[in-house]
Protein backbone atom coordinates (compact mmCIF):
# COMPACT_ATOMS: atom_id res chain seq x y z
CA MET A 1 229.92 7.86 295.09
CA TYR A 2 232.46 5.81 292.72
CA THR A 3 231.98 2.75 290.78
CA LEU A 4 234.75 0.29 292.22
CA THR A 5 235.43 -2.55 289.79
CA GLY A 6 237.87 -5.28 291.25
CA HIS A 7 240.55 -7.13 289.33
CA ASN A 8 243.59 -9.51 290.51
CA ASN A 9 245.98 -6.85 291.45
CA HIS A 10 244.03 -3.36 290.87
CA ILE A 11 240.65 -1.73 291.38
CA THR A 12 238.97 0.38 288.71
CA VAL A 13 237.97 3.45 290.19
CA GLU A 14 235.25 5.25 287.84
CA ASN A 15 233.50 8.45 288.70
CA GLN A 16 230.16 9.77 287.45
CA SER A 17 231.65 11.43 284.32
CA GLY A 18 232.40 8.03 283.09
CA GLN A 19 236.48 8.95 283.96
CA HIS A 20 238.81 6.06 285.57
CA PHE A 21 241.85 5.63 286.94
CA GLN A 22 243.66 2.20 288.12
CA LEU A 23 244.06 1.73 291.95
CA ASN A 24 246.77 -0.71 292.37
CA GLY A 25 247.41 -2.49 295.70
CA GLU A 26 247.44 -6.01 297.35
CA LEU A 27 244.14 -8.21 298.07
CA VAL A 28 244.10 -9.20 301.50
CA ARG A 29 241.44 -11.10 303.66
CA GLY A 30 238.61 -8.92 304.27
CA GLY A 31 239.71 -6.13 301.56
CA PHE A 32 242.47 -4.47 299.71
CA ILE A 33 245.14 -2.58 300.64
CA ALA A 34 245.49 0.23 298.08
CA ASP A 35 248.64 2.32 297.23
CA PRO A 36 247.93 6.01 296.89
CA ALA A 37 250.76 6.81 294.70
CA SER A 38 248.62 5.09 291.96
CA ILE A 39 246.12 7.90 291.95
CA LYS A 40 247.54 9.99 289.37
CA ASN A 41 245.52 10.70 286.10
CA TRP A 42 241.54 10.58 285.31
CA HIS A 43 241.49 8.53 281.74
CA LYS A 44 238.21 8.99 279.41
CA ALA A 45 238.81 7.85 275.60
CA ASP A 46 241.65 9.64 274.67
CA GLU A 47 241.88 12.38 277.66
CA ILE A 48 243.86 12.06 280.12
CA THR A 49 243.30 14.82 283.32
CA PRO A 50 245.84 15.18 286.29
CA ILE A 51 244.28 14.25 289.59
CA SER A 52 245.47 17.15 292.24
CA GLN A 53 246.37 16.57 295.56
CA LEU A 54 243.19 17.97 297.19
CA GLU A 55 241.30 15.75 294.51
CA LYS A 56 243.54 12.92 295.60
CA ASP A 57 242.78 13.09 299.03
CA GLU A 58 239.02 13.45 298.64
CA ILE A 59 238.95 10.58 296.61
CA MET A 60 240.64 8.52 299.24
CA ALA A 61 238.35 9.65 302.12
CA GLN A 62 235.34 9.05 299.78
CA ILE A 63 236.35 5.42 298.89
CA MET A 64 237.26 4.40 302.50
CA GLN A 65 233.63 5.85 303.64
CA GLN A 66 231.98 4.17 300.71
CA THR A 67 233.22 0.70 301.85
CA ILE A 68 233.41 1.23 305.43
CA HIS A 69 230.43 -0.89 306.21
CA SER A 70 231.16 -3.53 303.83
CA PRO A 71 232.91 -6.67 304.59
CA PHE A 72 235.14 -6.00 301.79
CA LYS A 73 237.18 -2.73 302.80
CA ILE A 74 239.36 -0.44 300.90
CA LEU A 75 242.07 1.00 302.94
CA PHE A 76 245.25 3.08 301.98
CA ALA A 77 248.93 2.21 302.69
CA GLU A 78 250.84 4.71 304.64
CA PRO A 79 253.58 6.55 302.22
CA GLY A 80 256.91 4.88 302.66
CA ILE A 81 255.79 1.63 303.88
């Protein structure tokens, strides 16, 4: 489970360890279309931890599952669109 905090043009995603990253995208009616390319590194204080492709896939699946029953959904844009 992630803590999701919305801003104008991004969502801050924070894990249970206090690490976070900025998920860029576009606010649309009923949700947010996120750019999967913005999932690169976890940040915590002065530490930067790269996010592997496997972890990135798990993060995207978890975020979509976490918001599936919400009136505000977070979906991910297809690469190249």
